[in-house]
Amino acid sequence: MHLNRTCLMVASLTLCAGLSACASTPAMETKTEHFGQAVAHNIAAQRVAPTAEQKANTFIPPNRARQKAAREAYEKGETPDPEQLGTTENE
């Protein structure tokens, strides 16, 4: 009987602690006027329809000599290291 009370008390305290976390300020209440603009711009950029000329110019013919040279350079370990790019002007 004592074990059941202990389990009930632990469960109650855990439930109260869990529910108290829900009482904090929701993240959406602290948003700025720019909130969501990056996502909106990305969606808009992906919705831009290409022109008829751009649609017609999608075939890039294979260049077997360049493919062979690239494969050989990779196998010899002569490929250049990738360039480091940053996401801000300061990097």
PDB file of N, CA and C in Angstrom:
ATOM      1  N   MET A   1       0.820  -1.195   0.000  1.00  0.00           N
ATOM      2  CA  MET A   1       0.000   0.000   0.000  1.00  0.00           C
ATOM      3  C   MET A   1       0.866   1.261   0.000  1.00  0.00           C
ATOM      4  N   HIS A   2       1.975   1.205   0.767  1.00  0.00           N
ATOM      5  CA  HIS A   2       2.873   2.350   0.836  1.00  0.00           C
ATOM      6  C   HIS A   2       3.533   2.593  -0.526  1.00  0.00           C
ATOM      7  N   LEU A   3       3.832   1.548  -1.270  1.00  0.00           N
ATOM      8  CA  LEU A   3       4.450   1.657  -2.584  1.00  0.00           C
ATOM      9  C   LEU A   3       3.501   2.334  -3.573  1.00  0.00           C
ATOM     10  N   ASN A   4       2.208   2.038  -3.493  1.00  0.00           N
ATOM     11  CA  ASN A   4       1.230   2.664  -4.385  1.00  0.00           C
ATOM     12  C   ASN A   4       1.132   4.164  -4.144  1.00  0.00           C
ATOM     13  N   ARG A   5       1.176   4.580  -2.875  1.00  0.00           N
ATOM     14  CA  ARG A   5       1.128   6.010  -2.555  1.00  0.00           C
ATOM     15  C   ARG A   5       2.378   6.713  -3.068  1.00  0.00           C
ATOM     16  N   THR A   6       3.519   6.058  -2.926  1.00  0.00           N
ATOM     17  CA  THR A   6       4.770   6.648  -3.398  1.00  0.00           C
ATOM     18  C   THR A   6       4.746   6.802  -4.911  1.00  0.00           C
ATOM     19  N   CYS A   7       4.289   5.783  -5.597  1.00  0.00           N
ATOM     20  CA  CYS A   7       4.189   5.857  -7.055  1.00  0.00           C
ATOM     21  C   CYS A   7       3.215   6.943  -7.482  1.00  0.00           C
ATOM     22  N   LEU A   8       2.086   7.049  -6.785  1.00  0.00           N
ATOM     23  CA  LEU A   8       1.100   8.071  -7.107  1.00  0.00           C
ATOM     24  C   LEU A   8       1.672   9.465  -6.880  1.00  0.00           C
ATOM     25  N   MET A   9       2.427   9.643  -5.808  1.00  0.00           N
ATOM     26  CA  MET A   9       3.019  10.939  -5.501  1.00  0.00           C
ATOM     27  C   MET A   9       4.080  11.309  -6.559  1.00  0.00           C
ATOM     28  N   VAL A  10       4.906  10.353  -6.923  1.00  0.00           N
ATOM     29  CA  VAL A  10       5.930  10.602  -7.934  1.00  0.00           C
ATOM     30  C   VAL A  10       5.273  10.942  -9.272  1.00  0.00           C
ATOM     31  N   ALA A  11       4.241  10.218  -9.633  1.00  0.00           N
ATOM     32  CA  ALA A  11       3.533  10.481 -10.877  1.00  0.00           C
ATOM     33  C   ALA A  11       2.899  11.863 -10.854  1.00  0.00           C
ATOM     34  N   SER A  12       2.317  12.247  -9.731  1.00  0.00           N
ATOM     35  CA  SER A  12       1.686  13.564  -9.607  1.00  0.00           C
ATOM     36  C   SER A  12       2.727  14.679  -9.724  1.00  0.00           C
ATOM     37  N   LEU A  13       3.855  14.512  -9.050  1.00  0.00           N
ATOM     38  CA  LEU A  13       4.905  15.530  -9.120  1.00  0.00           C
ATOM     39  C   LEU A  13       5.475  15.641 -10.536  1.00  0.00           C
ATOM     40  N   THR A  14       5.638  14.509 -11.202  1.00  0.00           N
ATOM     41  CA  THR A  14       6.136  14.526 -12.569  1.00  0.00           C
ATOM     42  C   THR A  14       5.155  15.230 -13.491  1.00  0.00           C
ATOM     43  N   LEU A  15       3.870  14.962 -13.315  1.00  0.00           N
ATOM     44  CA  LEU A  15       2.843  15.599 -14.123  1.00  0.00           C
ATOM     45  C   LEU A  15       2.828  17.098 -13.878  1.00  0.00           C
ATOM     46  N   CYS A  16       2.922  17.508 -12.638  1.00  0.00           N
ATOM     47  CA  CYS A  16       2.923  18.945 -12.318  1.00  0.00           C
ATOM     48  C   CYS A  16       4.153  19.634 -12.905  1.00  0.00           C
ATOM     49  N   ALA A  17       5.302  18.995 -12.816  1.00  0.00           N
ATOM     50  CA  ALA A  17       6.519  19.579 -13.380  1.00  0.00           C
ATOM     51  C   ALA A  17       6.410  19.677 -14.896  1.00  0.00           C
ATOM     52  N   GLY A  18       5.849  18.671 -15.513  1.00  0.00           N
ATOM     53  CA  GLY A  18       5.682  18.688 -16.960  1.00  0.00           C
ATOM     54  C   GLY A  18       4.709  19.763 -17.416  1.00  0.00           C
ATOM     55  N   LEU A  19       3.619  19.932 -16.689  1.00  0.00           N
ATOM     56  CA  LEU A  19       2.632  20.948 -17.052  1.00  0.00           C
ATOM     57  C   LEU A  19       3.131  22.359 -16.777  1.00  0.00           C
ATOM     58  N   SER A  20       4.025  22.518 -15.809  1.00  0.00           N
ATOM     59  CA  SER A  20       4.543  23.853 -15.528  1.00  0.00           C
ATOM     60  C   SER A  20       5.401  24.364 -16.677  1.00  0.00           C
ATOM     61  N   ALA A  21       5.999  23.465 -17.437  1.00  0.00           N
ATOM     62  CA  ALA A  21       6.789  23.880 -18.597  1.00  0.00           C
ATOM     63  C   ALA A  21       5.893  24.481 -19.664  1.00  0.00           C
ATOM     64  N   CYS A  22       4.647  24.094 -19.708  1.00  0.00           N
ATOM     65  CA  CYS A  22       3.712  24.629 -20.694  1.00  0.00           C
ATOM     66  C   CYS A  22       3.245  26.037 -20.334  1.00  0.00           C
ATOM     67  N   ALA A  23       3.503  26.475 -19.121  1.00  0.00           N
ATOM     68  CA  ALA A  23       3.031  27.775 -18.671  1.00  0.00           C
ATOM     69  C   ALA A  23       3.964  28.909 -19.083  1.00  0.00           C
ATOM     70  N   SER A  24       5.105  28.611 -19.703  1.00  0.00           N
ATOM     71  CA  SER A  24       6.027  29.654 -20.115  1.00  0.00           C
ATOM     72  C   SER A  24       5.470  30.401 -21.321  1.00  0.00           C
ATOM     73  N   THR A  25       6.090  31.528 -21.656  1.00  0.00           N
ATOM     74  CA  THR A  25       5.648  32.346 -22.778  1.00  0.00           C
ATOM     75  C   THR A  25       5.870  31.598 -24.083  1.00  0.00           C
ATOM     76  N   PRO A  26       4.851  31.437 -24.892  1.00  0.00           N
ATOM     77  CA  PRO A  26       5.035  30.751 -26.172  1.00  0.00           C
ATOM     78  C   PRO A  26       5.995  31.529 -27.081  1.00  0.00           C
ATOM     79  N   ALA A  27       6.713  30.827 -27.895  1.00  0.00           N
ATOM     80  CA  ALA A  27       7.696  31.452 -28.777  1.00  0.00           C
ATOM     81  C   ALA A  27       7.045  32.390 -29.778  1.00  0.00           C
ATOM     82  N   MET A  28       5.830  32.118 -30.180  1.00  0.00           N
ATOM     83  CA  MET A  28       5.181  32.941 -31.189  1.00  0.00           C
ATOM     84  C   MET A  28       4.813  34.331 -30.680  1.00  0.00           C
ATOM     85  N   GLU A  29       4.719  34.509 -29.363  1.00  0.00           N
ATOM     86  CA  GLU A  29       4.371  35.815 -28.820  1.00  0.00           C
ATOM     87  C   GLU A  29       5.539  36.781 -28.886  1.00  0.00           C
ATOM     88  N   THR A  30       6.758  36.283 -29.055  1.00  0.00           N
ATOM     89  CA  THR A  30       7.932  37.144 -29.072  1.00  0.00           C
ATOM     90  C   THR A  30       8.446  37.388 -30.486  1.00  0.00           C
ATOM     91  N   LYS A  31       7.654  37.110 -31.498  1.00  0.00           N
ATOM     92  CA  LYS A  31       8.110  37.264 -32.876  1.00  0.00           C
ATOM     93  C   LYS A  31       8.226  38.740 -33.254  1.00  0.00           C
ATOM     94  N   THR A  32       9.105  39.037 -34.204  1.00  0.00           N
ATOM     95  CA  THR A  32       9.280  40.393 -34.701  1.00  0.00           C
ATOM     96  C   THR A  32       8.481  40.567 -35.977  1.00  0.00           C
ATOM     97  N   GLU A  33       8.535  41.786 -36.530  1.00  0.00           N
ATOM     98  CA  GLU A  33       7.787  42.012 -37.773  1.00  0.00           C
ATOM     99  C   GLU A  33       8.414  41.285 -38.959  1.00  0.00           C
ATOM    100  N   HIS A  34       9.678  40.843 -38.818  1.00  0.00           N
ATOM    101  CA  HIS A  34      10.359  40.127 -39.896  1.00  0.00           C
ATOM    102  C   HIS A  34      10.210  38.617 -39.777  1.00  0.00           C
ATOM    103  N   PHE A  35       9.466  38.159 -38.797  1.00  0.00           N
ATOM    104  CA  PHE A  35       9.323  36.726 -38.566  1.00  0.00           C
ATOM    105  C   PHE A  35       8.696  36.052 -39.778  1.00  0.00           C
ATOM    106  N   GLY A  36       9.358  35.041 -40.310  1.00  0.00           N
ATOM    107  CA  GLY A  36       8.832  34.263 -41.417  1.00  0.00           C
ATOM    108  C   GLY A  36       9.153  34.795 -42.798  1.00  0.00           C
ATOM    109  N   GLN A  37       9.829  35.943 -42.873  1.00  0.00           N
ATOM    110  CA  GLN A  37      10.124  36.507 -44.189  1.00  0.00           C
ATOM    111  C   GLN A  37      11.098  35.653 -44.985  1.00  0.00           C
ATOM    112  N   ALA A  38      12.077  35.049 -44.318  1.00  0.00           N
ATOM    113  CA  ALA A  38      13.053  34.223 -45.039  1.00  0.00           C
ATOM    114  C   ALA A  38      12.360  33.041 -45.709  1.00  0.00           C
ATOM    115  N   VAL A  39      11.459  32.409 -44.991  1.00  0.00           N
ATOM    116  CA  VAL A  39      10.734  31.271 -45.564  1.00  0.00           C
ATOM    117  C   VAL A  39       9.847  31.741 -46.710  1.00  0.00           C
ATOM    118  N   ALA A  40       9.197  32.879 -46.537  1.00  0.00           N
ATOM    119  CA  ALA A  40       8.333  33.405 -47.594  1.00  0.00           C
ATOM    120  C   ALA A  40       9.138  33.735 -48.845  1.00  0.00           C
ATOM    121  N   HIS A  41      10.330  34.315 -48.680  1.00  0.00           N
ATOM    122  CA  HIS A  41      11.170  34.638 -49.833  1.00  0.00           C
ATOM    123  C   HIS A  41      11.647  33.365 -50.531  1.00  0.00           C
ATOM    124  N   ASN A  42      12.000  32.344 -49.756  1.00  0.00           N
ATOM    125  CA  ASN A  42      12.444  31.079 -50.359  1.00  0.00           C
ATOM    126  C   ASN A  42      11.322  30.429 -51.160  1.00  0.00           C
ATOM    127  N   ILE A  43      10.123  30.438 -50.614  1.00  0.00           N
ATOM    128  CA  ILE A  43       8.983  29.865 -51.329  1.00  0.00           C
ATOM    129  C   ILE A  43       8.722  30.645 -52.612  1.00  0.00           C
ATOM    130  N   ALA A  44       8.781  31.979 -52.534  1.00  0.00           N
ATOM    131  CA  ALA A  44       8.548  32.798 -53.722  1.00  0.00           C
ATOM    132  C   ALA A  44       9.617  32.555 -54.779  1.00  0.00           C
ATOM    133  N   ALA A  45      10.863  32.396 -54.361  1.00  0.00           N
ATOM    134  CA  ALA A  45      11.947  32.166 -55.316  1.00  0.00           C
ATOM    135  C   ALA A  45      11.786  30.831 -56.028  1.00  0.00           C
ATOM    136  N   GLN A  46      11.253  29.844 -55.352  1.00  0.00           N
ATOM    137  CA  GLN A  46      11.087  28.532 -55.969  1.00  0.00           C
ATOM    138  C   GLN A  46       9.840  28.464 -56.847  1.00  0.00           C
ATOM    139  N   ARG A  47       8.975  29.435 -56.736  1.00  0.00           N
ATOM    140  CA  ARG A  47       7.748  29.439 -57.544  1.00  0.00           C
ATOM    141  C   ARG A  47       7.904  30.203 -58.847  1.00  0.00           C
ATOM    142  N   VAL A  48       9.020  30.870 -59.047  1.00  0.00           N
ATOM    143  CA  VAL A  48       9.211  31.650 -60.264  1.00  0.00           C
ATOM    144  C   VAL A  48       9.282  30.698 -61.451  1.00  0.00           C
ATOM    145  N   ALA A  49       8.408  30.911 -62.389  1.00  0.00           N
ATOM    146  CA  ALA A  49       8.367  30.042 -63.568  1.00  0.00           C
ATOM    147  C   ALA A  49       9.432  30.509 -64.554  1.00  0.00           C
ATOM    148  N   PRO A  50      10.205  29.589 -65.116  1.00  0.00           N
ATOM    149  CA  PRO A  50      11.202  29.988 -66.108  1.00  0.00           C
ATOM    150  C   PRO A  50      10.531  30.419 -67.407  1.00  0.00           C
ATOM    151  N   THR A  51      11.272  31.189 -68.157  1.00  0.00           N
ATOM    152  CA  THR A  51      10.754  31.619 -69.459  1.00  0.00           C
ATOM    153  C   THR A  51      10.793  30.438 -70.422  1.00  0.00           C
ATOM    154  N   ALA A  52      10.157  30.607 -71.568  1.00  0.00           N
ATOM    155  CA  ALA A  52      10.148  29.537 -72.577  1.00  0.00           C
ATOM    156  C   ALA A  52      11.572  29.242 -73.045  1.00  0.00           C
ATOM    157  N   GLU A  53      12.401  30.287 -73.175  1.00  0.00           N
ATOM    158  CA  GLU A  53      13.786  30.099 -73.608  1.00  0.00           C
ATOM    159  C   GLU A  53      14.572  29.304 -72.561  1.00  0.00           C
ATOM    160  N   GLN A  54      14.344  29.618 -71.292  1.00  0.00           N
ATOM    161  CA  GLN A  54      15.038  28.892 -70.231  1.00  0.00           C
ATOM    162  C   GLN A  54      14.584  27.431 -70.172  1.00  0.00           C
ATOM    163  N   LYS A  55      13.313  27.197 -70.405  1.00  0.00           N
ATOM    164  CA  LYS A  55      12.812  25.820 -70.400  1.00  0.00           C
ATOM    165  C   LYS A  55      13.413  25.005 -71.533  1.00  0.00           C
ATOM    166  N   ALA A  56      13.616  25.641 -72.680  1.00  0.00           N
ATOM    167  CA  ALA A  56      14.148  24.936 -73.841  1.00  0.00           C
ATOM    168  C   ALA A  56      15.647  24.686 -73.714  1.00  0.00           C
ATOM    169  N   ASN A  57      16.333  25.428 -72.866  1.00  0.00           N
ATOM    170  CA  ASN A  57      17.783  25.339 -72.765  1.00  0.00           C
ATOM    171  C   ASN A  57      18.196  24.551 -71.516  1.00  0.00           C
ATOM    172  N   THR A  58      17.656  23.348 -71.364  1.00  0.00           N
ATOM    173  CA  THR A  58      17.994  22.547 -70.184  1.00  0.00           C
ATOM    174  C   THR A  58      18.888  21.361 -70.494  1.00  0.00           C
ATOM    175  N   PHE A  59      19.070  21.042 -71.740  1.00  0.00           N
ATOM    176  CA  PHE A  59      19.898  19.900 -72.096  1.00  0.00           C
ATOM    177  C   PHE A  59      21.366  20.302 -72.133  1.00  0.00           C
ATOM    178  N   ILE A  60      22.180  19.635 -71.365  1.00  0.00           N
ATOM    179  CA  ILE A  60      23.619  19.865 -71.368  1.00  0.00           C
ATOM    180  C   ILE A  60      24.262  18.591 -71.894  1.00  0.00           C
ATOM    181  N   PRO A  61      24.853  18.641 -73.075  1.00  0.00           N
ATOM    182  CA  PRO A  61      25.418  17.416 -73.639  1.00  0.00           C
ATOM    183  C   PRO A  61      26.615  16.931 -72.820  1.00  0.00           C
ATOM    184  N   PRO A  62      26.777  15.615 -72.688  1.00  0.00           N
ATOM    185  CA  PRO A  62      27.900  15.089 -71.908  1.00  0.00           C
ATOM    186  C   PRO A  62      29.224  15.323 -72.625  1.00  0.00           C
ATOM    187  N   ASN A  63      30.258  15.553 -71.846  1.00  0.00           N
ATOM    188  CA  ASN A  63      31.595  15.735 -72.377  1.00  0.00           C
ATOM    189  C   ASN A  63      32.440  14.600 -71.823  1.00  0.00           C
ATOM    190  N   ARG A  64      32.614  13.563 -72.619  1.00  0.00           N
ATOM    191  CA  ARG A  64      33.298  12.344 -72.150  1.00  0.00           C
ATOM    192  C   ARG A  64      34.749  12.611 -71.735  1.00  0.00           C
ATOM    193  N   ALA A  65      35.434  13.492 -72.444  1.00  0.00           N
ATOM    194  CA  ALA A  65      36.831  13.781 -72.110  1.00  0.00           C
ATOM    195  C   ALA A  65      36.933  14.440 -70.725  1.00  0.00           C
ATOM    196  N   ARG A  66      36.037  15.387 -70.435  1.00  0.00           N
ATOM    197  CA  ARG A  66      36.053  16.031 -69.118  1.00  0.00           C
ATOM    198  C   ARG A  66      35.671  15.039 -68.025  1.00  0.00           C
ATOM    199  N   GLN A  67      34.705  14.163 -68.302  1.00  0.00           N
ATOM    200  CA  GLN A  67      34.314  13.158 -67.310  1.00  0.00           C
ATOM    201  C   GLN A  67      35.488  12.239 -66.981  1.00  0.00           C
ATOM    202  N   LYS A  68      36.208  11.806 -68.029  1.00  0.00           N
ATOM    203  CA  LYS A  68      37.351  10.917 -67.833  1.00  0.00           C
ATOM    204  C   LYS A  68      38.455  11.627 -67.053  1.00  0.00           C
ATOM    205  N   ALA A  69      38.738  12.876 -67.403  1.00  0.00           N
ATOM    206  CA  ALA A  69      39.780  13.631 -66.701  1.00  0.00           C
ATOM    207  C   ALA A  69      39.409  13.846 -65.236  1.00  0.00           C
ATOM    208  N   ALA A  70      38.148  14.138 -64.964  1.00  0.00           N
ATOM    209  CA  ALA A  70      37.707  14.346 -63.593  1.00  0.00           C
ATOM    210  C   ALA A  70      37.798  13.055 -62.784  1.00  0.00           C
ATOM    211  N   ARG A  71      37.408  11.949 -63.395  1.00  0.00           N
ATOM    212  CA  ARG A  71      37.479  10.653 -62.703  1.00  0.00           C
ATOM    213  C   ARG A  71      38.927  10.284 -62.397  1.00  0.00           C
ATOM    214  N   GLU A  72      39.824  10.497 -63.361  1.00  0.00           N
ATOM    215  CA  GLU A  72      41.237  10.177 -63.145  1.00  0.00           C
ATOM    216  C   GLU A  72      41.856  11.071 -62.073  1.00  0.00           C
ATOM    217  N   ALA A  73      41.514  12.352 -62.085  1.00  0.00           N
ATOM    218  CA  ALA A  73      42.034  13.268 -61.058  1.00  0.00           C
ATOM    219  C   ALA A  73      41.546  12.853 -59.678  1.00  0.00           C
ATOM    220  N   TYR A  74      40.300  12.419 -59.588  1.00  0.00           N
ATOM    221  CA  TYR A  74      39.752  11.966 -58.302  1.00  0.00           C
ATOM    222  C   TYR A  74      40.479  10.717 -57.817  1.00  0.00           C
ATOM    223  N   GLU A  75      40.706   9.784 -58.718  1.00  0.00           N
ATOM    224  CA  GLU A  75      41.379   8.542 -58.333  1.00  0.00           C
ATOM    225  C   GLU A  75      42.824   8.784 -57.903  1.00  0.00           C
ATOM    226  N   LYS A  76      43.478   9.805 -58.472  1.00  0.00           N
ATOM    227  CA  LYS A  76      44.855  10.134 -58.105  1.00  0.00           C
ATOM    228  C   LYS A  76      44.918  11.040 -56.869  1.00  0.00           C
ATOM    229  N   GLY A  77      43.767  11.524 -56.416  1.00  0.00           N
ATOM    230  CA  GLY A  77      43.732  12.422 -55.262  1.00  0.00           C
ATOM    231  C   GLY A  77      44.151  13.839 -55.610  1.00  0.00           C
ATOM    232  N   GLU A  78      43.955  14.226 -56.841  1.00  0.00           N
ATOM    233  CA  GLU A  78      44.368  15.545 -57.303  1.00  0.00           C
ATOM    234  C   GLU A  78      43.211  16.536 -57.392  1.00  0.00           C
ATOM    235  N   THR A  79      42.108  16.234 -56.762  1.00  0.00           N
ATOM    236  CA  THR A  79      40.971  17.155 -56.811  1.00  0.00           C
ATOM    237  C   THR A  79      41.196  18.289 -55.826  1.00  0.00           C
ATOM    238  N   PRO A  80      40.782  19.514 -56.168  1.00  0.00           N
ATOM    239  CA  PRO A  80      40.974  20.642 -55.258  1.00  0.00           C
ATOM    240  C   PRO A  80      40.040  20.529 -54.053  1.00  0.00           C
ATOM    241  N   ASP A  81      40.495  21.080 -52.945  1.00  0.00           N
ATOM    242  CA  ASP A  81      39.640  21.115 -51.762  1.00  0.00           C
ATOM    243  C   ASP A  81      38.496  22.093 -52.013  1.00  0.00           C
ATOM    244  N   PRO A  82      37.332  21.800 -51.450  1.00  0.00           N
ATOM    245  CA  PRO A  82      36.203  22.709 -51.658  1.00  0.00           C
ATOM    246  C   PRO A  82      36.462  24.060 -50.995  1.00  0.00           C
ATOM    247  N   GLU A  83      35.951  25.096 -51.602  1.00  0.00           N
ATOM    248  CA  GLU A  83      36.110  26.443 -51.064  1.00  0.00           C
ATOM    249  C   GLU A  83      35.156  26.641 -49.898  1.00  0.00           C
ATOM    250  N   GLN A  84      35.651  27.209 -48.806  1.00  0.00           N
ATOM    251  CA  GLN A  84      34.808  27.467 -47.645  1.00  0.00           C
ATOM    252  C   GLN A  84      33.947  28.686 -47.905  1.00  0.00           C
ATOM    253  N   LEU A  85      32.663  28.558 -47.716  1.00  0.00           N
ATOM    254  CA  LEU A  85      31.727  29.653 -47.914  1.00  0.00           C
ATOM    255  C   LEU A  85      31.081  30.003 -46.596  1.00  0.00           C
ATOM    256  N   GLY A  86      30.805  31.256 -46.380  1.00  0.00           N
ATOM    257  CA  GLY A  86      30.145  31.696 -45.166  1.00  0.00           C
ATOM    258  C   GLY A  86      28.707  32.105 -45.455  1.00  0.00           C
ATOM    259  N   THR A  87      27.968  32.292 -44.397  1.00  0.00           N
ATOM    260  CA  THR A  87      26.573  32.701 -44.560  1.00  0.00           C
ATOM    261  C   THR A  87      26.352  34.165 -44.236  1.00  0.00           C
ATOM    262  N   THR A  88      27.382  34.836 -43.713  1.00  0.00           N
ATOM    263  CA  THR A  88      27.263  36.260 -43.416  1.00  0.00           C
ATOM    264  C   THR A  88      28.427  37.004 -44.052  1.00  0.00           C
ATOM    265  N   GLU A  89      28.354  38.312 -44.056  1.00  0.00           N
ATOM    266  CA  GLU A  89      29.410  39.127 -44.653  1.00  0.00           C
ATOM    267  C   GLU A  89      30.699  39.055 -43.858  1.00  0.00           C
ATOM    268  N   ASN A  90      30.613  38.741 -42.573  1.00  0.00           N
ATOM    269  CA  ASN A  90      31.787  38.739 -41.704  1.00  0.00           C
ATOM    270  C   ASN A  90      32.631  37.498 -41.839  1.00  0.00           C
ATOM    271  N   GLU A  91      32.153  36.478 -42.482  1.00  0.00           N
ATOM    272  CA  GLU A  91      32.903  35.228 -42.556  1.00  0.00           C
ATOM    273  C   GLU A  91      33.762  35.152 -43.780  1.00  0.00           C
TER     274      GLU A  91
END
